[in-house]
Structures are given as structure tokens and as C-alpha cells.
Amino acid sequence: MRLMPIQDAIELIQMEYAEMPELRLTFSQARRLWNFSEELCERALTELLGSGFLGRTADGSFVRRHTSRSSIGAGALLVRESGGATI
């Protein structure tokens, strides 16, 4: 597992999503891709959700928030982290 400051993890995730705007990852896939500990991955993804950089689909995948609904798959609406309201 990578030992890195949370800000470095956040920047790495942002760079990956900037390079691949259609990237769509589950929590487990994100952990494996970046070789993060569960805690580091959870903290970084939570921060990016809170900042609005990432959103979550109905199936729980993390996507870049500006991605249009049509490009993330039929029926995969973005949901807010709390309350499950669609956006």
C-alpha cells in the first residue's frame, strides 16, 4: 500500500480522472488501481465527493461530476453521497 499524504492521493485521483474523463470505478477498483489503503482511499474519495469533483452513480461507481448522464450509461444517474437524491 502507498503511504502518502491525503492531498497527494487526491491530486493523483484528480489527474487520473482528468486524463480519462469517462473513468468509472467502484471503491474496490479504485483501491486496486491506486494501491491505496482502505482508509486513504475512503478519505480521498469522500473529499472529492464533497468538493463536487466526483459524483456517484446509482450503482455506487465514482465518476467525474461534469460527465453527462448519457455518457455514463443508460439508467446510471448520479446520486448525492447523502440522501440518495438524483442530480
N, C-alpha and C. Protein backbone atom coordinates (compact mmCIF):
# COMPACT_ATOMS: atom_id res chain seq x y z
N MET A 1 0.83 -1.18 0.00
CA MET A 1 0.00 0.00 0.00
C MET A 1 0.88 1.25 0.00
N ARG A 2 0.40 2.25 -0.71
CA ARG A 2 1.14 3.51 -0.75
C ARG A 2 0.93 4.28 0.55
N LEU A 3 2.03 4.78 1.08
CA LEU A 3 1.96 5.67 2.22
C LEU A 3 2.17 7.07 1.69
N MET A 4 1.10 7.84 1.64
CA MET A 4 1.20 9.19 1.10
C MET A 4 0.21 10.08 1.81
N PRO A 5 0.52 11.37 1.80
CA PRO A 5 -0.43 12.31 2.39
C PRO A 5 -1.74 12.32 1.61
N ILE A 6 -2.81 12.64 2.30
CA ILE A 6 -4.14 12.65 1.69
C ILE A 6 -4.18 13.59 0.49
N GLN A 7 -3.54 14.75 0.57
CA GLN A 7 -3.56 15.70 -0.55
C GLN A 7 -2.91 15.11 -1.79
N ASP A 8 -1.84 14.33 -1.63
CA ASP A 8 -1.20 13.69 -2.78
C ASP A 8 -2.14 12.66 -3.41
N ALA A 9 -2.87 11.93 -2.57
CA ALA A 9 -3.83 10.94 -3.08
C ALA A 9 -4.93 11.63 -3.87
N ILE A 10 -5.42 12.74 -3.34
CA ILE A 10 -6.48 13.50 -4.01
C ILE A 10 -5.99 14.00 -5.36
N GLU A 11 -4.80 14.53 -5.39
CA GLU A 11 -4.25 15.05 -6.66
C GLU A 11 -4.05 13.94 -7.68
N LEU A 12 -3.60 12.77 -7.23
CA LEU A 12 -3.43 11.63 -8.14
C LEU A 12 -4.77 11.22 -8.74
N ILE A 13 -5.79 11.12 -7.92
CA ILE A 13 -7.12 10.75 -8.40
C ILE A 13 -7.64 11.79 -9.39
N GLN A 14 -7.47 13.07 -9.07
CA GLN A 14 -7.91 14.13 -9.98
C GLN A 14 -7.18 14.05 -11.32
N MET A 15 -5.90 13.78 -11.30
CA MET A 15 -5.14 13.66 -12.56
C MET A 15 -5.65 12.50 -13.40
N GLU A 16 -5.94 11.37 -12.76
CA GLU A 16 -6.43 10.20 -13.50
C GLU A 16 -7.79 10.49 -14.14
N TYR A 17 -8.68 11.11 -13.38
CA TYR A 17 -10.00 11.44 -13.93
C TYR A 17 -9.90 12.53 -14.99
N ALA A 18 -8.93 13.43 -14.88
CA ALA A 18 -8.74 14.46 -15.90
C ALA A 18 -8.24 13.82 -17.20
N GLU A 19 -7.36 12.84 -17.08
CA GLU A 19 -6.84 12.15 -18.28
C GLU A 19 -7.88 11.24 -18.90
N MET A 20 -8.75 10.67 -18.08
CA MET A 20 -9.77 9.74 -18.56
C MET A 20 -11.13 10.18 -18.03
N PRO A 21 -11.74 11.20 -18.63
CA PRO A 21 -12.98 11.76 -18.10
C PRO A 21 -14.13 10.77 -17.98
N GLU A 22 -14.11 9.71 -18.74
CA GLU A 22 -15.18 8.71 -18.69
C GLU A 22 -14.89 7.61 -17.68
N LEU A 23 -13.82 7.75 -16.90
CA LEU A 23 -13.45 6.74 -15.92
C LEU A 23 -14.58 6.53 -14.93
N ARG A 24 -14.85 5.28 -14.65
CA ARG A 24 -15.95 4.90 -13.75
C ARG A 24 -15.44 3.73 -12.91
N LEU A 25 -15.27 3.96 -11.60
CA LEU A 25 -14.67 2.95 -10.73
C LEU A 25 -15.51 2.70 -9.50
N THR A 26 -15.57 1.45 -9.08
CA THR A 26 -16.13 1.13 -7.78
C THR A 26 -15.05 1.43 -6.74
N PHE A 27 -15.43 1.41 -5.48
CA PHE A 27 -14.45 1.64 -4.42
C PHE A 27 -13.33 0.61 -4.50
N SER A 28 -13.67 -0.65 -4.67
CA SER A 28 -12.66 -1.71 -4.73
C SER A 28 -11.72 -1.53 -5.92
N GLN A 29 -12.27 -1.15 -7.06
CA GLN A 29 -11.43 -0.91 -8.24
C GLN A 29 -10.49 0.26 -8.01
N ALA A 30 -10.99 1.32 -7.38
CA ALA A 30 -10.15 2.49 -7.09
C ALA A 30 -9.00 2.09 -6.16
N ARG A 31 -9.29 1.34 -5.14
CA ARG A 31 -8.24 0.89 -4.21
C ARG A 31 -7.17 0.09 -4.94
N ARG A 32 -7.59 -0.81 -5.80
CA ARG A 32 -6.62 -1.63 -6.53
C ARG A 32 -5.82 -0.79 -7.53
N LEU A 33 -6.49 0.10 -8.25
CA LEU A 33 -5.82 0.91 -9.25
C LEU A 33 -4.70 1.74 -8.64
N TRP A 34 -4.99 2.41 -7.52
CA TRP A 34 -4.01 3.30 -6.92
C TRP A 34 -3.24 2.66 -5.77
N ASN A 35 -3.54 1.41 -5.46
CA ASN A 35 -2.86 0.68 -4.39
C ASN A 35 -2.90 1.46 -3.07
N PHE A 36 -4.08 1.99 -2.75
CA PHE A 36 -4.29 2.75 -1.53
C PHE A 36 -4.81 1.83 -0.43
N SER A 37 -4.54 2.21 0.81
CA SER A 37 -5.19 1.53 1.93
C SER A 37 -6.67 1.87 1.87
N GLU A 38 -7.47 1.08 2.55
CA GLU A 38 -8.92 1.35 2.58
C GLU A 38 -9.19 2.74 3.15
N GLU A 39 -8.50 3.08 4.23
CA GLU A 39 -8.72 4.38 4.87
C GLU A 39 -8.33 5.55 3.96
N LEU A 40 -7.17 5.47 3.32
CA LEU A 40 -6.72 6.55 2.44
C LEU A 40 -7.67 6.71 1.26
N CYS A 41 -8.08 5.61 0.66
CA CYS A 41 -8.99 5.66 -0.48
C CYS A 41 -10.33 6.26 -0.07
N GLU A 42 -10.85 5.83 1.06
CA GLU A 42 -12.13 6.35 1.53
C GLU A 42 -12.05 7.84 1.80
N ARG A 43 -10.99 8.29 2.46
CA ARG A 43 -10.84 9.71 2.78
C ARG A 43 -10.72 10.54 1.52
N ALA A 44 -9.90 10.08 0.56
CA ALA A 44 -9.69 10.84 -0.68
C ALA A 44 -10.97 10.92 -1.50
N LEU A 45 -11.65 9.80 -1.67
CA LEU A 45 -12.88 9.80 -2.45
C LEU A 45 -13.98 10.62 -1.78
N THR A 46 -14.06 10.55 -0.46
CA THR A 46 -15.05 11.34 0.27
C THR A 46 -14.77 12.83 0.09
N GLU A 47 -13.52 13.22 0.14
CA GLU A 47 -13.15 14.63 -0.07
C GLU A 47 -13.53 15.08 -1.48
N LEU A 48 -13.29 14.24 -2.48
CA LEU A 48 -13.60 14.59 -3.86
C LEU A 48 -15.10 14.61 -4.12
N LEU A 49 -15.85 13.79 -3.42
CA LEU A 49 -17.32 13.85 -3.49
C LEU A 49 -17.80 15.16 -2.88
N GLY A 50 -17.25 15.50 -1.72
CA GLY A 50 -17.65 16.71 -1.03
C GLY A 50 -17.34 17.98 -1.80
N SER A 51 -16.23 17.96 -2.54
CA SER A 51 -15.84 19.13 -3.31
C SER A 51 -16.61 19.26 -4.62
N GLY A 52 -17.32 18.19 -4.99
CA GLY A 52 -18.07 18.21 -6.24
C GLY A 52 -17.28 17.73 -7.44
N PHE A 53 -16.03 17.36 -7.25
CA PHE A 53 -15.22 16.87 -8.37
C PHE A 53 -15.75 15.51 -8.85
N LEU A 54 -16.12 14.65 -7.89
CA LEU A 54 -16.67 13.34 -8.23
C LEU A 54 -18.13 13.27 -7.83
N GLY A 55 -18.82 12.37 -8.48
CA GLY A 55 -20.18 12.01 -8.12
C GLY A 55 -20.26 10.51 -8.06
N ARG A 56 -21.40 10.01 -7.62
CA ARG A 56 -21.61 8.55 -7.57
C ARG A 56 -22.84 8.20 -8.39
N THR A 57 -22.73 7.12 -9.09
CA THR A 57 -23.87 6.63 -9.85
C THR A 57 -24.76 5.81 -8.93
N ALA A 58 -25.92 5.44 -9.43
CA ALA A 58 -26.87 4.64 -8.66
C ALA A 58 -26.26 3.31 -8.22
N ASP A 59 -25.31 2.78 -9.00
CA ASP A 59 -24.68 1.51 -8.63
C ASP A 59 -23.46 1.70 -7.73
N GLY A 60 -23.17 2.95 -7.33
CA GLY A 60 -22.08 3.21 -6.40
C GLY A 60 -20.74 3.54 -7.04
N SER A 61 -20.67 3.56 -8.35
CA SER A 61 -19.41 3.87 -9.02
C SER A 61 -19.08 5.36 -8.88
N PHE A 62 -17.79 5.65 -8.85
CA PHE A 62 -17.31 7.03 -8.79
C PHE A 62 -17.04 7.51 -10.20
N VAL A 63 -17.60 8.67 -10.55
CA VAL A 63 -17.42 9.25 -11.88
C VAL A 63 -17.10 10.73 -11.72
N ARG A 64 -16.45 11.28 -12.74
CA ARG A 64 -16.20 12.71 -12.72
C ARG A 64 -17.53 13.43 -12.86
N ARG A 65 -17.76 14.41 -12.03
CA ARG A 65 -19.09 15.00 -11.89
C ARG A 65 -19.59 15.70 -13.14
N HIS A 66 -18.73 16.30 -13.92
CA HIS A 66 -19.21 17.02 -15.10
C HIS A 66 -19.60 16.09 -16.23
N THR A 67 -19.37 14.79 -16.07
CA THR A 67 -19.71 13.82 -17.10
C THR A 67 -21.22 13.80 -17.31
N SER A 68 -21.64 13.86 -18.55
CA SER A 68 -23.08 13.87 -18.83
C SER A 68 -23.68 12.51 -18.55
N ARG A 69 -24.96 12.51 -18.26
CA ARG A 69 -25.65 11.26 -17.95
C ARG A 69 -25.60 10.28 -19.12
N SER A 70 -25.73 10.77 -20.33
CA SER A 70 -25.75 9.87 -21.48
C SER A 70 -24.43 9.17 -21.68
N SER A 71 -23.33 9.76 -21.21
CA SER A 71 -22.02 9.14 -21.43
C SER A 71 -21.62 8.18 -20.32
N ILE A 72 -22.44 8.08 -19.25
CA ILE A 72 -22.08 7.15 -18.20
C ILE A 72 -22.98 5.93 -18.17
N GLY A 73 -23.77 5.76 -19.18
CA GLY A 73 -24.56 4.55 -19.28
C GLY A 73 -26.03 4.78 -18.99
N ALA A 74 -26.85 4.05 -19.65
CA ALA A 74 -28.30 4.19 -19.51
C ALA A 74 -28.72 3.86 -18.09
N GLY A 75 -29.52 4.73 -17.52
CA GLY A 75 -30.06 4.48 -16.20
C GLY A 75 -29.11 4.74 -15.06
N ALA A 76 -27.90 5.19 -15.33
CA ALA A 76 -26.92 5.41 -14.27
C ALA A 76 -26.92 6.88 -13.87
N LEU A 77 -27.91 7.28 -13.11
CA LEU A 77 -28.00 8.67 -12.67
C LEU A 77 -27.02 8.91 -11.54
N LEU A 78 -26.48 10.11 -11.48
CA LEU A 78 -25.63 10.47 -10.37
C LEU A 78 -26.49 10.66 -9.14
N VAL A 79 -25.98 10.24 -8.00
CA VAL A 79 -26.68 10.43 -6.74
C VAL A 79 -25.77 11.15 -5.77
N ARG A 80 -26.38 11.91 -4.88
CA ARG A 80 -25.61 12.59 -3.85
C ARG A 80 -25.15 11.56 -2.83
N GLU A 81 -24.03 11.85 -2.18
CA GLU A 81 -23.50 10.96 -1.16
C GLU A 81 -24.50 10.76 -0.02
N SER A 82 -25.20 11.80 0.38
CA SER A 82 -26.16 11.66 1.46
C SER A 82 -27.58 11.82 0.89
N GLY A 83 -28.42 10.96 1.27
CA GLY A 83 -29.82 11.06 0.92
C GLY A 83 -30.22 10.38 -0.37
N GLY A 84 -29.30 10.09 -1.26
CA GLY A 84 -29.61 9.38 -2.48
C GLY A 84 -30.43 10.14 -3.49
N ALA A 85 -30.53 11.45 -3.35
CA ALA A 85 -31.29 12.25 -4.32
C ALA A 85 -30.55 12.31 -5.64
N THR A 86 -31.27 12.23 -6.74
CA THR A 86 -30.62 12.33 -8.04
C THR A 86 -30.31 13.77 -8.35
N ILE A 87 -29.24 13.96 -9.12
CA ILE A 87 -28.86 15.31 -9.54
C ILE A 87 -28.78 15.37 -11.05
